[in-house]
Amino acid sequence: MRRVLPEWSGDPEDLYDYAYPPAPRAGRSPLHLEGAITVTDDWPEIVPITDAELRVMEGHFGEELDELFGPRA
């Protein structure tokens, strides 16, 4: 069913009154977790990357890396 929007009153205060909250959806309740979530870190101490990946990161973040670590030698 489509909502019919009210006609604009012409008042500048009415400009921000166009969004309506979404209609409630039927369905089951969200799951509530019992207790804390366990997070494990199984990444190696040094994560290898390829030369191509390094070039992409340097090209994309070059200016930010230069600000952090100084210009390239």
PDB file of N, CA and C in Angstrom:
ATOM      1  N   MET A   1       0.848  -1.172   0.000  1.00  0.00           N
ATOM      2  CA  MET A   1       0.000   0.000   0.000  1.00  0.00           C
ATOM      3  C   MET A   1       0.894   1.236   0.000  1.00  0.00           C
ATOM      4  N   ARG A   2       0.655   2.156  -0.894  1.00  0.00           N
ATOM      5  CA  ARG A   2       1.444   3.380  -0.992  1.00  0.00           C
ATOM      6  C   ARG A   2       0.922   4.417  -0.006  1.00  0.00           C
ATOM      7  N   ARG A   3       1.856   5.134   0.576  1.00  0.00           N
ATOM      8  CA  ARG A   3       1.464   6.225   1.468  1.00  0.00           C
ATOM      9  C   ARG A   3       1.169   7.468   0.641  1.00  0.00           C
ATOM     10  N   VAL A   4       0.181   8.195   1.065  1.00  0.00           N
ATOM     11  CA  VAL A   4      -0.134   9.463   0.425  1.00  0.00           C
ATOM     12  C   VAL A   4       0.508  10.544   1.273  1.00  0.00           C
ATOM     13  N   LEU A   5       1.415  11.298   0.654  1.00  0.00           N
ATOM     14  CA  LEU A   5       2.099  12.349   1.391  1.00  0.00           C
ATOM     15  C   LEU A   5       1.219  13.582   1.473  1.00  0.00           C
ATOM     16  N   PRO A   6       1.239  14.254   2.625  1.00  0.00           N
ATOM     17  CA  PRO A   6       0.442  15.470   2.735  1.00  0.00           C
ATOM     18  C   PRO A   6       1.019  16.558   1.834  1.00  0.00           C
ATOM     19  N   GLU A   7       0.178  17.461   1.414  1.00  0.00           N
ATOM     20  CA  GLU A   7       0.629  18.539   0.552  1.00  0.00           C
ATOM     21  C   GLU A   7       1.467  19.522   1.363  1.00  0.00           C
ATOM     22  N   TRP A   8       2.480  20.102   0.737  1.00  0.00           N
ATOM     23  CA  TRP A   8       3.374  21.028   1.424  1.00  0.00           C
ATOM     24  C   TRP A   8       2.623  22.293   1.795  1.00  0.00           C
ATOM     25  N   SER A   9       2.825  22.761   3.028  1.00  0.00           N
ATOM     26  CA  SER A   9       2.096  23.926   3.513  1.00  0.00           C
ATOM     27  C   SER A   9       2.688  25.236   3.021  1.00  0.00           C
ATOM     28  N   GLY A  10       3.925  25.211   2.500  1.00  0.00           N
ATOM     29  CA  GLY A  10       4.560  26.442   2.057  1.00  0.00           C
ATOM     30  C   GLY A  10       5.367  27.108   3.148  1.00  0.00           C
ATOM     31  N   ASP A  11       5.245  26.618   4.365  1.00  0.00           N
ATOM     32  CA  ASP A  11       5.978  27.173   5.499  1.00  0.00           C
ATOM     33  C   ASP A  11       7.414  26.653   5.481  1.00  0.00           C
ATOM     34  N   PRO A  12       8.430  27.540   5.619  1.00  0.00           N
ATOM     35  CA  PRO A  12       9.823  27.068   5.632  1.00  0.00           C
ATOM     36  C   PRO A  12      10.111  26.060   6.742  1.00  0.00           C
ATOM     37  N   GLU A  13       9.365  26.114   7.833  1.00  0.00           N
ATOM     38  CA  GLU A  13       9.560  25.153   8.917  1.00  0.00           C
ATOM     39  C   GLU A  13       9.149  23.744   8.492  1.00  0.00           C
ATOM     40  N   ASP A  14       8.340  23.649   7.444  1.00  0.00           N
ATOM     41  CA  ASP A  14       7.822  22.368   6.984  1.00  0.00           C
ATOM     42  C   ASP A  14       8.798  21.645   6.057  1.00  0.00           C
ATOM     43  N   LEU A  15       9.927  22.277   5.714  1.00  0.00           N
ATOM     44  CA  LEU A  15      10.856  21.680   4.762  1.00  0.00           C
ATOM     45  C   LEU A  15      11.463  20.381   5.273  1.00  0.00           C
ATOM     46  N   TYR A  16      11.648  20.259   6.574  1.00  0.00           N
ATOM     47  CA  TYR A  16      12.308  19.081   7.128  1.00  0.00           C
ATOM     48  C   TYR A  16      11.316  18.029   7.598  1.00  0.00           C
ATOM     49  N   ASP A  17      10.050  18.234   7.345  1.00  0.00           N
ATOM     50  CA  ASP A  17       9.038  17.304   7.833  1.00  0.00           C
ATOM     51  C   ASP A  17       8.548  16.408   6.702  1.00  0.00           C
ATOM     52  N   TYR A  18       9.491  15.800   5.977  1.00  0.00           N
ATOM     53  CA  TYR A  18       9.099  14.957   4.855  1.00  0.00           C
ATOM     54  C   TYR A  18       9.387  13.482   5.099  1.00  0.00           C
ATOM     55  N   ALA A  19      10.195  13.168   6.084  1.00  0.00           N
ATOM     56  CA  ALA A  19      10.564  11.774   6.328  1.00  0.00           C
ATOM     57  C   ALA A  19       9.681  11.204   7.426  1.00  0.00           C
ATOM     58  N   TYR A  20       9.149  10.053   7.160  1.00  0.00           N
ATOM     59  CA  TYR A  20       8.315   9.376   8.136  1.00  0.00           C
ATOM     60  C   TYR A  20       9.043   8.138   8.631  1.00  0.00           C
ATOM     61  N   PRO A  21       8.869   7.787   9.887  1.00  0.00           N
ATOM     62  CA  PRO A  21       9.517   6.559  10.363  1.00  0.00           C
ATOM     63  C   PRO A  21       8.955   5.352   9.619  1.00  0.00           C
ATOM     64  N   PRO A  22       9.773   4.324   9.430  1.00  0.00           N
ATOM     65  CA  PRO A  22       9.278   3.144   8.716  1.00  0.00           C
ATOM     66  C   PRO A  22       8.169   2.448   9.499  1.00  0.00           C
ATOM     67  N   ALA A  23       7.281   1.849   8.763  1.00  0.00           N
ATOM     68  CA  ALA A  23       6.190   1.112   9.396  1.00  0.00           C
ATOM     69  C   ALA A  23       6.758  -0.111  10.106  1.00  0.00           C
ATOM     70  N   PRO A  24       6.196  -0.480  11.245  1.00  0.00           N
ATOM     71  CA  PRO A  24       6.696  -1.671  11.942  1.00  0.00           C
ATOM     72  C   PRO A  24       6.512  -2.913  11.083  1.00  0.00           C
ATOM     73  N   ARG A  25       7.508  -3.789  11.139  1.00  0.00           N
ATOM     74  CA  ARG A  25       7.467  -5.013  10.349  1.00  0.00           C
ATOM     75  C   ARG A  25       7.147  -6.194  11.254  1.00  0.00           C
ATOM     76  N   ALA A  26       6.353  -7.075  10.714  1.00  0.00           N
ATOM     77  CA  ALA A  26       6.025  -8.285  11.456  1.00  0.00           C
ATOM     78  C   ALA A  26       7.188  -9.255  11.360  1.00  0.00           C
ATOM     79  N   GLY A  27       7.408  -9.995  12.388  1.00  0.00           N
ATOM     80  CA  GLY A  27       8.485 -10.972  12.369  1.00  0.00           C
ATOM     81  C   GLY A  27       8.883 -11.330  13.788  1.00  0.00           C
ATOM     82  N   ARG A  28       9.886 -12.146  13.879  1.00  0.00           N
ATOM     83  CA  ARG A  28      10.307 -12.565  15.204  1.00  0.00           C
ATOM     84  C   ARG A  28      11.186 -11.499  15.852  1.00  0.00           C
ATOM     85  N   SER A  29      11.313 -11.578  17.143  1.00  0.00           N
ATOM     86  CA  SER A  29      12.122 -10.631  17.903  1.00  0.00           C
ATOM     87  C   SER A  29      13.597 -10.845  17.600  1.00  0.00           C
ATOM     88  N   PRO A  30      14.413  -9.800  17.737  1.00  0.00           N
ATOM     89  CA  PRO A  30      15.848  -9.997  17.540  1.00  0.00           C
ATOM     90  C   PRO A  30      16.412 -10.927  18.605  1.00  0.00           C
ATOM     91  N   LEU A  31      17.448 -11.643  18.219  1.00  0.00           N
ATOM     92  CA  LEU A  31      18.060 -12.574  19.156  1.00  0.00           C
ATOM     93  C   LEU A  31      18.839 -11.813  20.217  1.00  0.00           C
ATOM     94  N   HIS A  32      18.720 -12.243  21.449  1.00  0.00           N
ATOM     95  CA  HIS A  32      19.496 -11.667  22.539  1.00  0.00           C
ATOM     96  C   HIS A  32      20.529 -12.702  22.950  1.00  0.00           C
ATOM     97  N   LEU A  33      21.794 -12.305  22.881  1.00  0.00           N
ATOM     98  CA  LEU A  33      22.866 -13.230  23.208  1.00  0.00           C
ATOM     99  C   LEU A  33      23.009 -13.375  24.711  1.00  0.00           C
ATOM    100  N   GLU A  34      23.249 -14.565  25.131  1.00  0.00           N
ATOM    101  CA  GLU A  34      23.484 -14.836  26.544  1.00  0.00           C
ATOM    102  C   GLU A  34      24.977 -14.730  26.821  1.00  0.00           C
ATOM    103  N   GLY A  35      25.389 -13.842  27.679  1.00  0.00           N
ATOM    104  CA  GLY A  35      26.799 -13.737  28.054  1.00  0.00           C
ATOM    105  C   GLY A  35      27.618 -12.967  27.032  1.00  0.00           C
ATOM    106  N   ALA A  36      28.926 -12.970  27.255  1.00  0.00           N
ATOM    107  CA  ALA A  36      29.851 -12.210  26.418  1.00  0.00           C
ATOM    108  C   ALA A  36      30.205 -12.982  25.149  1.00  0.00           C
ATOM    109  N   ILE A  37      30.624 -12.253  24.146  1.00  0.00           N
ATOM    110  CA  ILE A  37      31.068 -12.846  22.895  1.00  0.00           C
ATOM    111  C   ILE A  37      32.565 -13.082  22.994  1.00  0.00           C
ATOM    112  N   THR A  38      33.022 -14.249  22.604  1.00  0.00           N
ATOM    113  CA  THR A  38      34.442 -14.565  22.621  1.00  0.00           C
ATOM    114  C   THR A  38      35.046 -14.227  21.265  1.00  0.00           C
ATOM    115  N   VAL A  39      36.105 -13.420  21.286  1.00  0.00           N
ATOM    116  CA  VAL A  39      36.797 -13.032  20.063  1.00  0.00           C
ATOM    117  C   VAL A  39      38.166 -13.686  20.072  1.00  0.00           C
ATOM    118  N   THR A  40      38.496 -14.397  19.001  1.00  0.00           N
ATOM    119  CA  THR A  40      39.813 -15.026  18.913  1.00  0.00           C
ATOM    120  C   THR A  40      40.611 -14.373  17.801  1.00  0.00           C
ATOM    121  N   ASP A  41      41.908 -14.276  18.012  1.00  0.00           N
ATOM    122  CA  ASP A  41      42.814 -13.686  17.032  1.00  0.00           C
ATOM    123  C   ASP A  41      43.730 -14.789  16.547  1.00  0.00           C
ATOM    124  N   ASP A  42      43.470 -15.272  15.335  1.00  0.00           N
ATOM    125  CA  ASP A  42      44.315 -16.339  14.803  1.00  0.00           C
ATOM    126  C   ASP A  42      45.141 -15.856  13.616  1.00  0.00           C
ATOM    127  N   TRP A  43      45.293 -14.531  13.482  1.00  0.00           N
ATOM    128  CA  TRP A  43      46.137 -13.987  12.426  1.00  0.00           C
ATOM    129  C   TRP A  43      47.592 -14.183  12.806  1.00  0.00           C
ATOM    130  N   PRO A  44      48.453 -14.398  11.820  1.00  0.00           N
ATOM    131  CA  PRO A  44      49.881 -14.510  12.131  1.00  0.00           C
ATOM    132  C   PRO A  44      50.425 -13.150  12.566  1.00  0.00           C
ATOM    133  N   GLU A  45      51.573 -13.163  13.237  1.00  0.00           N
ATOM    134  CA  GLU A  45      52.187 -11.922  13.714  1.00  0.00           C
ATOM    135  C   GLU A  45      52.502 -10.977  12.544  1.00  0.00           C
ATOM    136  N   ILE A  46      52.995 -11.522  11.446  1.00  0.00           N
ATOM    137  CA  ILE A  46      53.277 -10.746  10.243  1.00  0.00           C
ATOM    138  C   ILE A  46      52.388 -11.288   9.126  1.00  0.00           C
ATOM    139  N   VAL A  47      51.595 -10.397   8.521  1.00  0.00           N
ATOM    140  CA  VAL A  47      50.687 -10.802   7.453  1.00  0.00           C
ATOM    141  C   VAL A  47      51.362 -10.496   6.116  1.00  0.00           C
ATOM    142  N   PRO A  48      51.663 -11.517   5.320  1.00  0.00           N
ATOM    143  CA  PRO A  48      52.342 -11.270   4.048  1.00  0.00           C
ATOM    144  C   PRO A  48      51.394 -10.642   3.024  1.00  0.00           C
ATOM    145  N   ILE A  49      51.941  -9.705   2.219  1.00  0.00           N
ATOM    146  CA  ILE A  49      51.187  -9.122   1.114  1.00  0.00           C
ATOM    147  C   ILE A  49      52.054  -9.185  -0.136  1.00  0.00           C
ATOM    148  N   THR A  50      51.423  -9.161  -1.276  1.00  0.00           N
ATOM    149  CA  THR A  50      52.171  -9.229  -2.531  1.00  0.00           C
ATOM    150  C   THR A  50      52.664  -7.836  -2.919  1.00  0.00           C
ATOM    151  N   ASP A  51      53.592  -7.796  -3.865  1.00  0.00           N
ATOM    152  CA  ASP A  51      54.126  -6.528  -4.348  1.00  0.00           C
ATOM    153  C   ASP A  51      53.018  -5.697  -4.993  1.00  0.00           C
ATOM    154  N   ALA A  52      52.115  -6.347  -5.700  1.00  0.00           N
ATOM    155  CA  ALA A  52      51.006  -5.633  -6.342  1.00  0.00           C
ATOM    156  C   ALA A  52      50.096  -4.989  -5.292  1.00  0.00           C
ATOM    157  N   GLU A  53      49.810  -5.702  -4.207  1.00  0.00           N
ATOM    158  CA  GLU A  53      48.982  -5.138  -3.140  1.00  0.00           C
ATOM    159  C   GLU A  53      49.667  -3.933  -2.507  1.00  0.00           C
ATOM    160  N   LEU A  54      50.970  -4.026  -2.299  1.00  0.00           N
ATOM    161  CA  LEU A  54      51.728  -2.925  -1.717  1.00  0.00           C
ATOM    162  C   LEU A  54      51.677  -1.693  -2.618  1.00  0.00           C
ATOM    163  N   ARG A  55      51.822  -1.881  -3.921  1.00  0.00           N
ATOM    164  CA  ARG A  55      51.773  -0.752  -4.852  1.00  0.00           C
ATOM    165  C   ARG A  55      50.397  -0.091  -4.861  1.00  0.00           C
ATOM    166  N   VAL A  56      49.348  -0.889  -4.761  1.00  0.00           N
ATOM    167  CA  VAL A  56      47.996  -0.328  -4.727  1.00  0.00           C
ATOM    168  C   VAL A  56      47.814   0.507  -3.465  1.00  0.00           C
ATOM    169  N   MET A  57      48.244  -0.018  -2.318  1.00  0.00           N
ATOM    170  CA  MET A  57      48.102   0.723  -1.059  1.00  0.00           C
ATOM    171  C   MET A  57      48.936   1.995  -1.060  1.00  0.00           C
ATOM    172  N   GLU A  58      50.168   1.922  -1.572  1.00  0.00           N
ATOM    173  CA  GLU A  58      51.012   3.117  -1.635  1.00  0.00           C
ATOM    174  C   GLU A  58      50.425   4.150  -2.587  1.00  0.00           C
ATOM    175  N   GLY A  59      49.852   3.700  -3.688  1.00  0.00           N
ATOM    176  CA  GLY A  59      49.233   4.632  -4.627  1.00  0.00           C
ATOM    177  C   GLY A  59      48.000   5.305  -4.051  1.00  0.00           C
ATOM    178  N   HIS A  60      47.221   4.548  -3.304  1.00  0.00           N
ATOM    179  CA  HIS A  60      45.979   5.081  -2.751  1.00  0.00           C
ATOM    180  C   HIS A  60      46.227   5.928  -1.507  1.00  0.00           C
ATOM    181  N   PHE A  61      47.109   5.471  -0.628  1.00  0.00           N
ATOM    182  CA  PHE A  61      47.359   6.153   0.642  1.00  0.00           C
ATOM    183  C   PHE A  61      48.688   6.898   0.653  1.00  0.00           C
ATOM    184  N   GLY A  62      49.265   7.185  -0.514  1.00  0.00           N
ATOM    185  CA  GLY A  62      50.593   7.786  -0.597  1.00  0.00           C
ATOM    186  C   GLY A  62      50.736   9.072   0.193  1.00  0.00           C
ATOM    187  N   GLU A  63      49.799  10.003   0.034  1.00  0.00           N
ATOM    188  CA  GLU A  63      49.893  11.283   0.737  1.00  0.00           C
ATOM    189  C   GLU A  63      49.786  11.097   2.249  1.00  0.00           C
ATOM    190  N   GLU A  64      48.881  10.242   2.687  1.00  0.00           N
ATOM    191  CA  GLU A  64      48.720  10.005   4.122  1.00  0.00           C
ATOM    192  C   GLU A  64      49.954   9.325   4.706  1.00  0.00           C
ATOM    193  N   LEU A  65      50.529   8.379   3.966  1.00  0.00           N
ATOM    194  CA  LEU A  65      51.740   7.705   4.447  1.00  0.00           C
ATOM    195  C   LEU A  65      52.909   8.678   4.522  1.00  0.00           C
ATOM    196  N   ASP A  66      53.018   9.588   3.551  1.00  0.00           N
ATOM    197  CA  ASP A  66      54.082  10.588   3.589  1.00  0.00           C
ATOM    198  C   ASP A  66      53.921  11.520   4.785  1.00  0.00           C
ATOM    199  N   GLU A  67      52.678  11.859   5.129  1.00  0.00           N
ATOM    200  CA  GLU A  67      52.447  12.700   6.306  1.00  0.00           C
ATOM    201  C   GLU A  67      52.847  11.975   7.587  1.00  0.00           C
ATOM    202  N   LEU A  68      52.557  10.682   7.655  1.00  0.00           N
ATOM    203  CA  LEU A  68      52.867   9.914   8.865  1.00  0.00           C
ATOM    204  C   LEU A  68      54.351   9.605   9.000  1.00  0.00           C
ATOM    205  N   PHE A  69      54.964   9.150   7.916  1.00  0.00           N
ATOM    206  CA  PHE A  69      56.330   8.628   7.992  1.00  0.00           C
ATOM    207  C   PHE A  69      57.368   9.508   7.309  1.00  0.00           C
ATOM    208  N   GLY A  70      56.960  10.605   6.705  1.00  0.00           N
ATOM    209  CA  GLY A  70      57.893  11.460   5.991  1.00  0.00           C
ATOM    210  C   GLY A  70      57.957  11.063   4.527  1.00  0.00           C
ATOM    211  N   PRO A  71      58.569  11.942   3.700  1.00  0.00           N
ATOM    212  CA  PRO A  71      58.631  11.640   2.264  1.00  0.00           C
ATOM    213  C   PRO A  71      59.483  10.410   1.978  1.00  0.00           C
ATOM    214  N   ARG A  72      59.228   9.834   0.815  1.00  0.00           N
ATOM    215  CA  ARG A  72      59.971   8.629   0.423  1.00  0.00           C
ATOM    216  C   ARG A  72      61.429   8.970   0.165  1.00  0.00           C
ATOM    217  N   ALA A  73      62.291   8.031   0.494  1.00  0.00           N
ATOM    218  CA  ALA A  73      63.737   8.260   0.311  1.00  0.00           C
ATOM    219  C   ALA A  73      64.166   7.968  -1.102  1.00  0.00           C
TER     220      ALA A  73
END
